[in-house]
Amino acid sequence: MTTMTIAPAITGGQDPAFYAGRADAYDDHRAGTTLATLIVRLGYLIDDHPVIQYAAGYAARVWEIDREQRAINAAETELAHSVLGGAR
């Protein structure tokens, strides 16, 4: 069962294409596309997509994914060093 969303599609004064780009990057990542592949796709979008706001939205989500993965890696590394370092 689905529920209807009553929130406005546009927030922050951005172009709808910006949010479409973010949504597509999110969907691509959730489908299993790696960050490296998303960055390559972003390069093609920047060069070839006719709507710059779409590419800007895609880029915004790709960079968020990059920051998320870096934060997770840093936390896991810190945890591994503290657990392994403390066990000696």
C-alpha atoms as a PDB file:
ATOM      1  CA  MET A   1       0.000   0.000   0.000  1.00  0.00           C
ATOM      2  CA  THR A   2       1.290   3.465  -0.852  1.00  0.00           C
ATOM      3  CA  THR A   3       0.581   6.778   0.814  1.00  0.00           C
ATOM      4  CA  MET A   4       0.235  10.073  -0.932  1.00  0.00           C
ATOM      5  CA  THR A   5       2.863  12.652  -0.048  1.00  0.00           C
ATOM      6  CA  ILE A   6       1.522  16.115   0.565  1.00  0.00           C
ATOM      7  CA  ALA A   7       4.907  17.805   0.859  1.00  0.00           C
ATOM      8  CA  PRO A   8       5.791  20.205  -1.944  1.00  0.00           C
ATOM      9  CA  ALA A   9       8.104  18.815  -4.598  1.00  0.00           C
ATOM     10  CA  ILE A  10      10.281  21.907  -4.608  1.00  0.00           C
ATOM     11  CA  THR A  11      11.977  23.286  -1.515  1.00  0.00           C
ATOM     12  CA  GLY A  12      14.670  25.870  -1.120  1.00  0.00           C
ATOM     13  CA  GLY A  13      13.864  27.620  -4.387  1.00  0.00           C
ATOM     14  CA  GLN A  14      15.713  25.063  -6.496  1.00  0.00           C
ATOM     15  CA  ASP A  15      14.752  23.981 -10.000  1.00  0.00           C
ATOM     16  CA  PRO A  16      12.792  20.676 -10.180  1.00  0.00           C
ATOM     17  CA  ALA A  17      15.560  19.290 -12.401  1.00  0.00           C
ATOM     18  CA  PHE A  18      17.968  19.651  -9.463  1.00  0.00           C
ATOM     19  CA  TYR A  19      15.824  17.310  -7.383  1.00  0.00           C
ATOM     20  CA  ALA A  20      15.379  14.934 -10.310  1.00  0.00           C
ATOM     21  CA  GLY A  21      19.168  14.660 -10.572  1.00  0.00           C
ATOM     22  CA  ARG A  22      19.488  13.995  -6.834  1.00  0.00           C
ATOM     23  CA  ALA A  23      16.784  11.354  -7.014  1.00  0.00           C
ATOM     24  CA  ASP A  24      18.429   9.594  -9.945  1.00  0.00           C
ATOM     25  CA  ALA A  25      21.812   9.519  -8.193  1.00  0.00           C
ATOM     26  CA  TYR A  26      20.129   8.160  -5.064  1.00  0.00           C
ATOM     27  CA  ASP A  27      18.315   5.476  -7.080  1.00  0.00           C
ATOM     28  CA  ASP A  28      21.484   4.511  -8.951  1.00  0.00           C
ATOM     29  CA  HIS A  29      23.401   4.127  -5.692  1.00  0.00           C
ATOM     30  CA  ARG A  30      20.607   2.140  -4.025  1.00  0.00           C
ATOM     31  CA  ALA A  31      20.570  -0.169  -7.065  1.00  0.00           C
ATOM     32  CA  GLY A  32      24.190  -1.079  -6.343  1.00  0.00           C
ATOM     33  CA  THR A  33      26.151   1.331  -8.512  1.00  0.00           C
ATOM     34  CA  THR A  34      29.558   2.003  -6.989  1.00  0.00           C
ATOM     35  CA  LEU A  35      30.776   5.478  -6.138  1.00  0.00           C
ATOM     36  CA  ALA A  36      33.460   5.267  -8.834  1.00  0.00           C
ATOM     37  CA  THR A  37      30.823   4.537 -11.470  1.00  0.00           C
ATOM     38  CA  LEU A  38      28.617   7.359 -10.186  1.00  0.00           C
ATOM     39  CA  ILE A  39      31.539   9.766 -10.556  1.00  0.00           C
ATOM     40  CA  VAL A  40      32.115   8.623 -14.148  1.00  0.00           C
ATOM     41  CA  ARG A  41      28.407   9.081 -14.907  1.00  0.00           C
ATOM     42  CA  LEU A  42      28.573  12.514 -13.337  1.00  0.00           C
ATOM     43  CA  GLY A  43      31.396  13.440 -15.694  1.00  0.00           C
ATOM     44  CA  TYR A  44      29.248  12.472 -18.674  1.00  0.00           C
ATOM     45  CA  LEU A  45      26.297  14.403 -17.297  1.00  0.00           C
ATOM     46  CA  ILE A  46      28.389  17.524 -16.797  1.00  0.00           C
ATOM     47  CA  ASP A  47      29.628  17.305 -20.376  1.00  0.00           C
ATOM     48  CA  ASP A  48      26.458  16.213 -22.175  1.00  0.00           C
ATOM     49  CA  HIS A  49      23.264  16.840 -20.212  1.00  0.00           C
ATOM     50  CA  PRO A  50      21.251  19.765 -21.595  1.00  0.00           C
ATOM     51  CA  VAL A  51      19.905  20.796 -18.159  1.00  0.00           C
ATOM     52  CA  ILE A  52      22.707  21.997 -15.892  1.00  0.00           C
ATOM     53  CA  GLN A  53      20.488  21.914 -12.787  1.00  0.00           C
ATOM     54  CA  TYR A  54      19.966  18.166 -13.292  1.00  0.00           C
ATOM     55  CA  ALA A  55      23.732  17.623 -13.354  1.00  0.00           C
ATOM     56  CA  ALA A  56      24.124  19.876 -10.300  1.00  0.00           C
ATOM     57  CA  GLY A  57      21.574  17.800  -8.373  1.00  0.00           C
ATOM     58  CA  TYR A  58      23.240  14.552  -9.421  1.00  0.00           C
ATOM     59  CA  ALA A  59      26.599  15.983  -8.331  1.00  0.00           C
ATOM     60  CA  ALA A  60      25.230  17.100  -4.967  1.00  0.00           C
ATOM     61  CA  ARG A  61      24.016  13.590  -4.144  1.00  0.00           C
ATOM     62  CA  VAL A  62      27.191  11.908  -5.445  1.00  0.00           C
ATOM     63  CA  TRP A  63      29.348  14.124  -3.207  1.00  0.00           C
ATOM     64  CA  GLU A  64      27.071  13.369  -0.252  1.00  0.00           C
ATOM     65  CA  ILE A  65      27.521   9.646  -0.895  1.00  0.00           C
ATOM     66  CA  ASP A  66      31.284  10.206  -1.030  1.00  0.00           C
ATOM     67  CA  ARG A  67      31.251  12.039   2.320  1.00  0.00           C
ATOM     68  CA  GLU A  68      29.026   9.355   3.871  1.00  0.00           C
ATOM     69  CA  GLN A  69      31.381   6.589   2.782  1.00  0.00           C
ATOM     70  CA  ARG A  70      34.448   8.500   4.008  1.00  0.00           C
ATOM     71  CA  ALA A  71      32.814   9.046   7.403  1.00  0.00           C
ATOM     72  CA  ILE A  72      31.894   5.365   7.680  1.00  0.00           C
ATOM     73  CA  ASN A  73      35.413   4.309   6.713  1.00  0.00           C
ATOM     74  CA  ALA A  74      36.952   6.683   9.245  1.00  0.00           C
ATOM     75  CA  ALA A  75      34.656   5.440  12.012  1.00  0.00           C
ATOM     76  CA  GLU A  76      35.326   1.794  11.204  1.00  0.00           C
ATOM     77  CA  THR A  77      39.064   2.430  11.070  1.00  0.00           C
ATOM     78  CA  GLU A  78      38.969   4.210  14.428  1.00  0.00           C
ATOM     79  CA  LEU A  79      36.967   1.356  15.900  1.00  0.00           C
ATOM     80  CA  ALA A  80      39.339  -1.253  14.511  1.00  0.00           C
ATOM     81  CA  HIS A  81      42.388   0.561  15.883  1.00  0.00           C
ATOM     82  CA  SER A  82      40.853   1.067  19.298  1.00  0.00           C
ATOM     83  CA  VAL A  83      39.664  -2.542  19.577  1.00  0.00           C
ATOM     84  CA  LEU A  84      42.813  -4.102  18.163  1.00  0.00           C
ATOM     85  CA  GLY A  85      45.128  -1.606  19.824  1.00  0.00           C
ATOM     86  CA  GLY A  86      43.498  -2.121  23.219  1.00  0.00           C
ATOM     87  CA  ALA A  87      43.566  -5.931  22.958  1.00  0.00           C
ATOM     88  CA  ARG A  88      47.350  -6.155  22.891  1.00  0.00           C
END
